[in-house]
Amino acid sequence: MEKIVVKFGGSSLASAEQFKKVGKIIKENPARKFVVPSAPGKRFSDDTKVTDMLYSCYELAEENKEFSGQLKSIKARYDDIIKGLSLKLNLDDEFKKIEEEFKSGAGRDYAASRGEYLNGLVMAAYLDYEFIDSAEVIFFDEDGTFLPEETNKALSNRLKNVKNAVVPGFYGSIGGKKVKTFSRGGSDITGSLVAKAASADLYENWTDVSGFLVADPRIIRNPKVITMITYRELRELSYMGATVLHEDAIFPVRQAGIPINIRNTNDPSAPGTMIVANTCHSPEYTITGIAGVQGFVAVNIEKDMMNSEIGFGRKALGVFEKYGVSFEHMPSGIDTMSILVNQKDFEGREQQILAELQKQTHADQIDLYTNIALIAVVGRGMKSTRGTAGRIFAALAHANVNIKMIDQGSSELNIIIGVDDGDFKTAIKAIYDIFVTSQL
């Protein structure tokens, strides 16, 4: 029988009304056997996420300040959900334990994880599913590095004879004792790990949008939904700022060949976006998606006969490694090399880095170009379509956008364009218009 793992985001579980929508979705398909809940999100625009409330509450505890009022406010959020669902569930003992742990300095990770933990208890009671504490089956080592093999073994064994279960997202533990969380949005990763361990046929990730969008809706009004995208395309877009799915959630299911379906809790009839390893499905447009990030600086190194100097690139990149600054892209010519790095990371160490670069490379000239935005145009259809780059450049020229940098990957899956930060939105609109709105 088909097995589906479903993960629901914070907005999907912010209130009793949202819980009822989620419950209906789960019960509509008996294959939805394992549920991964996030902590309650915002109920309205000015509301506060429970995770943020927990962080604030723990900060007071760390400072030895009174925090019982804040903890009561958090409990009230859960009590409202429990009351709205008419459940016979009492969290008094859980909150007493949380209060004790806060006083004894259990840590920020423990504090943040309680949002998912408590929501998992509520969800398990509501669905009448077994509750599995993620701290017992998801593991990190002493330095906080995730342990995939140990986790997969423990999760697989735990789920083997379980018909239905709720596994809270976002956290695990170090040695089954000290709670450790993933980065924000980490419930996506938990869902992926559960899907792999359960040998699921599908991982459904339910959120508040009807799939992955071709472009950022804050820039493009009502952008089209991507019906199907490959893991590689998604990886490129996620890396460049597209945030529907935590980028680290891709790897466990990709290794297991499990597709991901991004769905909308508030519009369950919408098919959403399917994320797959490979497909012969032709994309609706030449490009699959556009994403971008602002705030980069290009360190441009010029030196005659650079191309014939063995180890030049290693020397240059070694300087950035020495000062703990990672590079994003490195377009180069015969006698030039541009290293693009995050401007905020670079600014605090710029003089040391520039001095060390000069010392190590003996460059003829080193220039800085600041406030650069990087835009990725991604699509498996680009490889088989002539003139894609030409159309991008023509669209940007028509919009009076000056291109600072061009970098195309060897896979022909993406083209990275650098523009001034001030031209960021204009550039994305121009590219979207030429490939999607106009469909030339």
Protein backbone atom coordinates (compact mmCIF):
# COMPACT_ATOMS: atom_id res chain seq x y z
CA MET A 1 0.00 0.00 0.00
CA GLU A 2 1.17 3.52 -0.77
CA LYS A 3 2.87 5.43 2.05
CA ILE A 4 2.87 9.23 2.24
CA VAL A 5 4.67 11.45 4.76
CA VAL A 6 3.01 14.83 5.28
CA LYS A 7 4.66 17.89 6.81
CA PHE A 8 2.62 20.95 7.78
CA GLY A 9 4.12 24.40 8.26
CA GLY A 10 3.43 26.83 11.10
CA SER A 11 0.73 28.81 9.28
CA SER A 12 -1.11 25.53 8.61
CA LEU A 13 -1.24 24.81 12.36
CA ALA A 14 -1.66 28.29 13.85
CA SER A 15 -5.20 27.77 15.18
CA ALA A 16 -7.89 25.17 15.82
CA GLU A 17 -9.52 26.15 12.53
CA GLN A 18 -6.28 25.41 10.66
CA PHE A 19 -5.87 22.13 12.57
CA LYS A 20 -9.30 21.05 11.32
CA LYS A 21 -8.25 21.74 7.71
CA VAL A 22 -5.12 19.68 8.28
CA GLY A 23 -7.07 16.84 9.88
CA LYS A 24 -9.44 16.71 6.92
CA ILE A 25 -6.53 16.60 4.47
CA ILE A 26 -4.86 13.73 6.34
CA LYS A 27 -8.04 11.67 6.74
CA GLU A 28 -8.98 12.08 3.06
CA ASN A 29 -6.13 9.76 2.08
CA PRO A 30 -5.38 6.67 4.22
CA ALA A 31 -1.88 6.57 2.69
CA ARG A 32 -0.96 9.68 4.74
CA LYS A 33 0.49 7.65 7.57
CA PHE A 34 3.19 9.84 9.11
CA VAL A 35 2.73 13.49 10.07
CA VAL A 36 5.47 16.06 10.79
CA PRO A 37 4.11 19.24 12.41
CA SER A 38 5.78 22.62 12.84
CA ALA A 39 5.13 24.93 15.80
CA PRO A 40 2.07 27.22 15.56
CA GLY A 41 2.78 30.17 13.28
CA LYS A 42 1.07 33.51 12.92
CA ARG A 43 -2.75 33.59 13.07
CA PHE A 44 -2.79 37.10 11.58
CA SER A 45 -0.18 39.54 10.24
CA ASP A 46 0.68 41.18 13.58
CA ASP A 47 0.73 37.92 15.50
CA THR A 48 3.90 36.28 16.90
CA LYS A 49 5.09 32.78 16.03
CA VAL A 50 5.26 30.42 19.01
CA THR A 51 8.94 29.70 18.28
CA ASP A 52 9.73 33.41 18.63
CA MET A 53 7.68 33.56 21.84
CA LEU A 54 9.74 30.66 23.23
CA TYR A 55 13.03 32.32 22.31
CA SER A 56 11.94 35.55 24.07
CA CYS A 57 10.73 33.65 27.10
CA TYR A 58 13.99 31.73 27.44
CA GLU A 59 16.03 34.92 27.13
CA LEU A 60 14.26 36.22 30.25
CA ALA A 61 15.02 32.96 32.04
CA GLU A 62 18.70 33.25 31.07
CA GLU A 63 18.79 36.75 32.56
CA ASN A 64 17.14 35.46 35.77
CA LYS A 65 14.09 37.62 35.08
CA GLU A 66 10.47 36.68 35.67
CA PHE A 67 9.19 34.70 32.67
CA SER A 68 6.06 32.99 33.99
CA GLY A 69 3.76 35.51 32.29
CA GLN A 70 5.31 34.85 28.88
CA LEU A 71 5.12 31.10 29.44
CA LYS A 72 1.42 31.42 30.33
CA SER A 73 0.85 33.28 27.05
CA ILE A 74 2.46 30.41 25.15
CA LYS A 75 0.33 27.87 27.04
CA ALA A 76 -2.77 29.93 26.20
CA ARG A 77 -2.01 29.50 22.49
CA TYR A 78 -2.06 25.71 22.87
CA ASP A 79 -5.05 25.73 25.20
CA ASP A 80 -7.02 27.71 22.60
CA ILE A 81 -6.22 25.07 19.97
CA ILE A 82 -7.08 22.21 22.33
CA LYS A 83 -10.37 23.84 23.31
CA GLY A 84 -11.24 24.58 19.68
CA LEU A 85 -10.67 20.91 18.81
CA SER A 86 -12.67 19.68 21.86
CA LEU A 87 -9.76 17.50 22.99
CA LYS A 88 -9.36 15.95 26.42
CA LEU A 89 -5.71 16.91 26.59
CA ASN A 90 -4.01 18.74 29.44
CA LEU A 91 -0.53 20.23 28.99
CA ASP A 92 -0.09 21.45 32.60
CA ASP A 93 2.60 18.86 33.40
CA GLU A 94 4.45 19.60 30.16
CA PHE A 95 4.59 23.30 30.93
CA LYS A 96 5.74 22.63 34.50
CA LYS A 97 8.62 20.61 33.09
CA ILE A 98 9.42 23.36 30.55
CA GLU A 99 9.48 25.92 33.37
CA GLU A 100 11.90 23.77 35.37
CA GLU A 101 14.14 23.21 32.35
CA PHE A 102 14.19 26.94 31.57
CA LYS A 103 15.24 27.69 35.16
CA SER A 104 18.01 25.08 35.01
CA GLY A 105 19.42 26.48 31.73
CA ALA A 106 18.39 23.77 29.27
CA GLY A 107 19.47 25.91 26.32
CA ARG A 108 18.00 27.89 23.42
CA ASP A 109 17.65 24.78 21.27
CA TYR A 110 15.55 23.07 23.92
CA ALA A 111 13.41 26.20 24.28
CA ALA A 112 12.78 26.56 20.55
CA SER A 113 12.03 22.85 20.07
CA ARG A 114 9.12 22.88 22.53
CA GLY A 115 6.90 24.56 19.92
CA GLU A 116 7.05 21.51 17.66
CA TYR A 117 7.08 19.06 20.56
CA LEU A 118 3.85 20.45 22.06
CA ASN A 119 2.16 20.77 18.68
CA GLY A 120 3.10 17.15 18.04
CA LEU A 121 1.32 16.10 21.23
CA VAL A 122 -1.79 18.06 20.19
CA MET A 123 -1.70 16.62 16.67
CA ALA A 124 -1.27 13.04 17.93
CA ALA A 125 -4.24 13.45 20.28
CA TYR A 126 -6.36 15.01 17.54
CA LEU A 127 -5.63 12.29 14.97
CA ASP A 128 -5.35 9.44 17.49
CA TYR A 129 -1.90 8.66 16.09
CA GLU A 130 1.15 7.45 18.00
CA PHE A 131 3.50 10.22 19.18
CA ILE A 132 7.24 9.76 18.57
CA ASP A 133 9.58 12.25 20.23
CA SER A 134 12.14 13.35 17.62
CA ALA A 135 14.82 13.55 20.33
CA GLU A 136 14.70 9.74 20.48
CA VAL A 137 15.22 9.12 16.76
CA ILE A 138 17.09 12.08 15.20
CA PHE A 139 20.71 12.48 16.23
CA PHE A 140 23.57 14.98 16.17
CA ASP A 141 27.14 14.51 17.41
CA GLU A 142 28.74 16.53 20.20
CA ASP A 143 29.71 19.44 17.93
CA GLY A 144 26.19 19.71 16.52
CA THR A 145 26.82 17.93 13.21
CA PHE A 146 23.81 15.96 11.99
CA LEU A 147 24.29 12.17 11.92
CA PRO A 148 22.36 10.84 8.90
CA GLU A 149 23.18 7.12 9.15
CA GLU A 150 22.46 6.81 12.87
CA THR A 151 19.24 8.79 12.40
CA ASN A 152 18.02 6.73 9.47
CA LYS A 153 18.67 3.48 11.35
CA ALA A 154 16.87 4.64 14.50
CA LEU A 155 13.94 6.17 12.60
CA SER A 156 13.53 3.12 10.35
CA ASN A 157 13.46 0.76 13.33
CA ARG A 158 11.01 2.98 15.21
CA LEU A 159 8.59 3.34 12.28
CA LYS A 160 8.82 -0.28 11.12
CA ASN A 161 5.83 -1.59 13.06
CA VAL A 162 3.92 1.67 13.49
CA LYS A 163 0.73 2.16 11.51
CA ASN A 164 0.37 5.92 11.98
CA ALA A 165 2.58 8.37 13.83
CA VAL A 166 3.29 12.04 14.53
CA VAL A 167 6.98 13.01 14.55
CA PRO A 168 7.58 16.69 15.51
CA GLY A 169 9.75 18.70 13.16
CA PHE A 170 12.81 20.90 13.67
CA TYR A 171 14.75 19.06 16.40
CA GLY A 172 16.63 15.97 17.46
CA SER A 173 19.20 15.36 20.18
CA ILE A 174 22.83 14.81 21.01
CA GLY A 175 23.12 11.26 22.26
CA GLY A 176 19.40 11.05 22.98
CA LYS A 177 19.79 13.56 25.80
CA LYS A 178 20.49 17.22 24.99
CA VAL A 179 18.03 18.69 22.48
CA LYS A 180 19.54 20.07 19.26
CA THR A 181 17.63 21.89 16.52
CA PHE A 182 18.14 22.27 12.81
CA SER A 183 18.29 25.82 11.42
CA ARG A 184 15.01 27.76 11.07
CA GLY A 185 12.65 25.99 8.70
CA GLY A 186 14.17 22.68 9.76
CA SER A 187 10.82 20.88 9.97
CA ASP A 188 11.19 20.43 6.21
CA ILE A 189 14.33 18.39 6.92
CA THR A 190 12.52 16.25 9.52
CA GLY A 191 9.81 15.46 6.99
CA SER A 192 12.44 14.42 4.48
CA LEU A 193 14.19 12.19 7.03
CA VAL A 194 10.91 10.51 8.01
CA ALA A 195 10.04 9.96 4.34
CA LYS A 196 13.38 8.26 3.72
CA ALA A 197 13.24 6.14 6.88
CA ALA A 198 9.68 5.03 6.15
CA SER A 199 10.51 4.24 2.49
CA ALA A 200 7.61 6.52 1.57
CA ASP A 201 6.26 6.79 -1.96
CA LEU A 202 5.74 10.53 -1.61
CA TYR A 203 6.65 13.41 0.72
CA GLU A 204 3.93 16.07 0.83
CA ASN A 205 5.03 19.42 2.20
CA TRP A 206 1.97 21.52 3.05
CA THR A 207 2.39 25.26 3.41
CA ASP A 208 0.50 28.50 2.68
CA VAL A 209 1.28 28.76 -1.05
CA SER A 210 0.04 26.62 -3.93
CA GLY A 211 3.46 25.36 -4.94
CA PHE A 212 6.82 26.71 -5.95
CA LEU A 213 6.50 29.97 -7.90
CA VAL A 214 8.43 30.99 -11.01
CA ALA A 215 9.47 34.23 -9.27
CA ASP A 216 9.20 36.02 -5.93
CA PRO A 217 5.57 37.22 -5.44
CA ARG A 218 6.93 40.31 -3.65
CA ILE A 219 8.44 41.35 -6.97
CA ILE A 220 6.12 39.77 -9.56
CA ARG A 221 2.39 40.10 -9.06
CA ASN A 222 0.68 36.68 -9.11
CA PRO A 223 3.60 34.73 -10.60
CA LYS A 224 2.88 31.38 -12.24
CA VAL A 225 3.22 28.15 -10.29
CA ILE A 226 5.89 25.67 -11.36
CA THR A 227 4.05 22.39 -11.93
CA MET A 228 7.18 20.20 -11.99
CA ILE A 229 10.79 20.89 -11.05
CA THR A 230 13.85 18.68 -10.68
CA TYR A 231 15.92 18.48 -7.51
CA ARG A 232 18.85 20.12 -9.32
CA GLU A 233 16.72 23.05 -10.47
CA LEU A 234 15.29 23.47 -6.98
CA ARG A 235 18.76 23.37 -5.45
CA GLU A 236 19.88 26.21 -7.71
CA LEU A 237 16.81 28.34 -6.92
CA SER A 238 16.95 27.63 -3.17
CA TYR A 239 20.61 28.58 -3.08
CA MET A 240 19.73 31.92 -4.66
CA GLY A 241 17.06 32.81 -2.15
CA ALA A 242 13.86 30.95 -3.10
CA THR A 243 12.52 29.82 0.28
CA VAL A 244 9.44 27.60 -0.03
CA LEU A 245 11.48 24.57 1.06
CA HIS A 246 14.56 24.34 3.29
CA GLU A 247 17.40 23.52 0.87
CA ASP A 248 18.82 20.74 3.12
CA ALA A 249 15.47 18.93 2.93
CA ILE A 250 16.26 17.88 -0.63
CA PHE A 251 19.13 15.48 0.06
CA PRO A 252 17.54 12.60 2.06
CA VAL A 253 14.61 12.14 -0.34
CA ARG A 254 16.77 12.70 -3.41
CA GLN A 255 19.04 9.86 -2.30
CA ALA A 256 16.00 7.63 -1.83
CA GLY A 257 14.30 8.67 -5.09
CA ILE A 258 11.23 10.00 -3.27
CA PRO A 259 9.38 12.90 -4.96
CA ILE A 260 8.23 15.94 -2.99
CA ASN A 261 4.86 17.59 -3.53
CA ILE A 262 4.51 21.21 -2.33
CA ARG A 263 0.83 21.79 -1.47
CA ASN A 264 -1.38 24.55 -0.04
CA THR A 265 -3.30 23.77 3.17
CA ASN A 266 -5.78 26.54 2.37
CA ASP A 267 -6.32 25.31 -1.22
CA PRO A 268 -5.98 21.51 -1.01
CA SER A 269 -7.47 20.94 -4.47
CA ALA A 270 -4.53 22.75 -6.12
CA PRO A 271 -2.00 20.19 -7.43
CA GLY A 272 0.97 22.27 -6.28
CA THR A 273 4.52 21.56 -7.41
CA MET A 274 6.09 18.13 -7.88
CA ILE A 275 9.82 17.96 -7.16
CA VAL A 276 11.41 14.95 -8.86
CA ALA A 277 14.83 13.50 -9.64
CA ASN A 278 14.31 13.42 -13.41
CA THR A 279 11.43 13.96 -15.80
CA CYS A 280 10.57 13.91 -19.49
CA HIS A 281 7.82 16.38 -18.67
CA SER A 282 8.44 19.46 -20.81
CA PRO A 283 8.50 22.71 -18.82
CA GLU A 284 5.70 25.14 -19.62
CA TYR A 285 8.25 27.87 -20.27
CA THR A 286 11.87 27.83 -21.42
CA ILE A 287 12.90 28.74 -17.88
CA THR A 288 11.72 27.00 -14.73
CA GLY A 289 12.30 29.81 -12.28
CA ILE A 290 14.07 33.05 -11.37
CA ALA A 291 15.60 33.84 -7.99
CA GLY A 292 18.14 36.29 -6.68
CA VAL A 293 20.05 37.68 -3.73
CA GLN A 294 21.31 41.20 -3.13
CA GLY A 295 24.36 42.50 -1.28
CA PHE A 296 27.50 41.13 -2.93
CA VAL A 297 30.89 42.62 -3.69
CA ALA A 298 33.11 41.61 -6.61
CA VAL A 299 36.84 41.54 -5.90
CA ASN A 300 38.40 41.95 -9.36
CA ILE A 301 42.02 40.82 -9.67
CA GLU A 302 44.05 41.74 -12.77
CA LYS A 303 47.48 40.36 -13.63
CA ASP A 304 49.25 39.89 -16.95
CA MET A 305 49.79 36.22 -17.86
CA MET A 306 47.56 35.09 -15.00
CA ASN A 307 46.39 32.13 -17.08
CA SER A 308 49.90 30.69 -17.30
CA GLU A 309 50.64 30.96 -13.57
CA ILE A 310 50.01 27.57 -12.00
CA GLY A 311 48.13 27.76 -8.69
CA PHE A 312 47.01 31.38 -9.06
CA GLY A 313 43.36 30.60 -8.32
CA ARG A 314 44.30 28.50 -5.30
CA LYS A 315 46.41 31.32 -3.87
CA ALA A 316 43.60 33.86 -4.31
CA LEU A 317 40.87 31.65 -2.87
CA GLY A 318 43.17 30.60 -0.03
CA VAL A 319 43.15 34.20 1.22
CA PHE A 320 39.35 34.19 1.52
CA GLU A 321 39.49 30.79 3.25
CA LYS A 322 42.06 32.14 5.71
CA TYR A 323 39.70 34.94 6.77
CA GLY A 324 36.58 32.77 6.85
CA VAL A 325 34.80 34.29 3.84
CA SER A 326 33.16 31.90 1.36
CA PHE A 327 32.88 32.84 -2.30
CA GLU A 328 29.71 32.61 -4.37
CA HIS A 329 30.96 32.78 -7.96
CA MET A 330 34.26 33.19 -9.74
CA PRO A 331 33.99 34.30 -13.38
CA SER A 332 37.39 34.76 -15.02
CA GLY A 333 39.20 35.85 -18.18
CA ILE A 334 42.76 35.36 -19.44
CA ASP A 335 44.25 38.07 -17.22
CA THR A 336 41.35 38.75 -14.82
CA MET A 337 39.50 36.97 -12.06
CA SER A 338 36.44 38.20 -10.18
CA ILE A 339 35.60 36.66 -6.84
CA LEU A 340 32.09 37.43 -5.62
CA VAL A 341 31.49 37.33 -1.87
CA ASN A 342 28.80 38.45 0.54
CA GLN A 343 29.42 42.14 1.19
CA LYS A 344 28.52 41.96 4.90
CA ASP A 345 30.97 39.10 5.45
CA PHE A 346 33.68 40.92 3.50
CA GLU A 347 33.40 44.44 4.94
CA GLY A 348 34.75 43.64 8.39
CA ARG A 349 37.89 42.01 6.98
CA GLU A 350 38.33 43.85 3.69
CA GLN A 351 41.69 45.53 4.38
CA GLN A 352 43.29 42.34 5.68
CA ILE A 353 41.97 40.38 2.70
CA LEU A 354 43.09 42.98 0.13
CA ALA A 355 46.56 43.21 1.67
CA GLU A 356 46.91 39.42 1.79
CA LEU A 357 45.66 39.08 -1.81
CA GLN A 358 48.32 41.52 -2.99
CA LYS A 359 50.98 39.68 -1.02
CA GLN A 360 50.00 36.23 -2.29
CA THR A 361 49.19 37.02 -5.94
CA HIS A 362 51.34 40.06 -6.75
CA ALA A 363 48.39 41.39 -8.77
CA ASP A 364 48.81 44.33 -11.13
CA GLN A 365 45.53 45.76 -9.85
CA ILE A 366 42.75 44.85 -7.44
CA ASP A 367 39.39 46.64 -7.71
CA LEU A 368 36.15 46.39 -5.73
CA TYR A 369 32.66 46.59 -7.23
CA THR A 370 30.07 46.87 -4.47
CA ASN A 371 26.29 46.52 -4.08
CA ILE A 372 25.87 43.77 -6.65
CA ALA A 373 22.77 41.58 -6.90
CA LEU A 374 23.01 38.06 -8.30
CA ILE A 375 20.06 36.69 -10.27
CA ALA A 376 19.80 33.02 -11.25
CA VAL A 377 17.75 32.06 -14.30
CA VAL A 378 17.23 28.31 -13.96
CA GLY A 379 15.64 25.74 -16.26
CA ARG A 380 16.19 22.31 -17.75
CA GLY A 381 14.56 23.63 -20.94
CA MET A 382 17.38 26.14 -21.50
CA LYS A 383 19.79 23.46 -22.71
CA SER A 384 17.64 22.53 -25.70
CA THR A 385 16.47 26.06 -26.55
CA ARG A 386 18.62 28.31 -28.71
CA GLY A 387 19.09 31.95 -27.90
CA THR A 388 18.09 31.84 -24.22
CA ALA A 389 21.03 33.97 -23.09
CA GLY A 390 20.42 36.41 -25.95
CA ARG A 391 16.81 36.86 -24.90
CA ILE A 392 17.87 37.54 -21.29
CA PHE A 393 20.39 40.17 -22.36
CA ALA A 394 17.94 41.77 -24.78
CA ALA A 395 15.26 41.97 -22.07
CA LEU A 396 17.69 43.60 -19.63
CA ALA A 397 18.96 46.04 -22.26
CA HIS A 398 15.38 47.02 -23.09
CA ALA A 399 14.80 47.66 -19.36
CA ASN A 400 18.00 49.79 -19.20
CA VAL A 401 19.69 47.35 -16.82
CA ASN A 402 23.47 47.21 -17.03
CA ILE A 403 24.94 43.71 -16.63
CA LYS A 404 27.94 43.60 -14.30
CA MET A 405 28.72 39.88 -14.54
CA ILE A 406 27.68 36.71 -16.36
CA ASP A 407 28.38 33.16 -15.20
CA GLN A 408 26.91 30.03 -16.80
CA GLY A 409 27.27 26.59 -15.26
CA SER A 410 28.67 23.74 -17.35
CA SER A 411 25.37 21.86 -17.03
CA GLU A 412 23.58 24.66 -18.92
CA LEU A 413 20.95 24.47 -16.20
CA ASN A 414 21.38 28.04 -15.02
CA ILE A 415 22.73 31.45 -15.94
CA ILE A 416 23.87 33.80 -13.17
CA ILE A 417 23.70 37.52 -13.89
CA GLY A 418 25.16 40.26 -11.74
CA VAL A 419 23.46 43.70 -11.72
CA ASP A 420 23.42 46.74 -9.45
CA ASP A 421 21.33 46.24 -6.31
CA GLY A 422 19.17 49.15 -7.49
CA ASP A 423 18.29 47.26 -10.68
CA PHE A 424 17.44 44.00 -8.89
CA LYS A 425 13.64 44.12 -9.12
CA THR A 426 13.64 45.72 -12.58
CA ALA A 427 15.88 42.91 -13.89
CA ILE A 428 13.70 40.14 -12.46
CA LYS A 429 10.56 41.74 -13.91
CA ALA A 430 12.21 42.06 -17.32
CA ILE A 431 13.31 38.41 -17.38
CA TYR A 432 9.92 37.19 -16.16
CA ASP A 433 8.12 39.26 -18.78
CA ILE A 434 10.21 37.97 -21.70
CA PHE A 435 9.90 34.27 -20.78
CA VAL A 436 6.54 33.99 -19.02
CA THR A 437 4.25 36.96 -19.70
CA SER A 438 5.18 37.30 -23.37
CA GLN A 439 5.95 33.59 -23.98
CA LEU A 440 7.85 34.53 -27.11
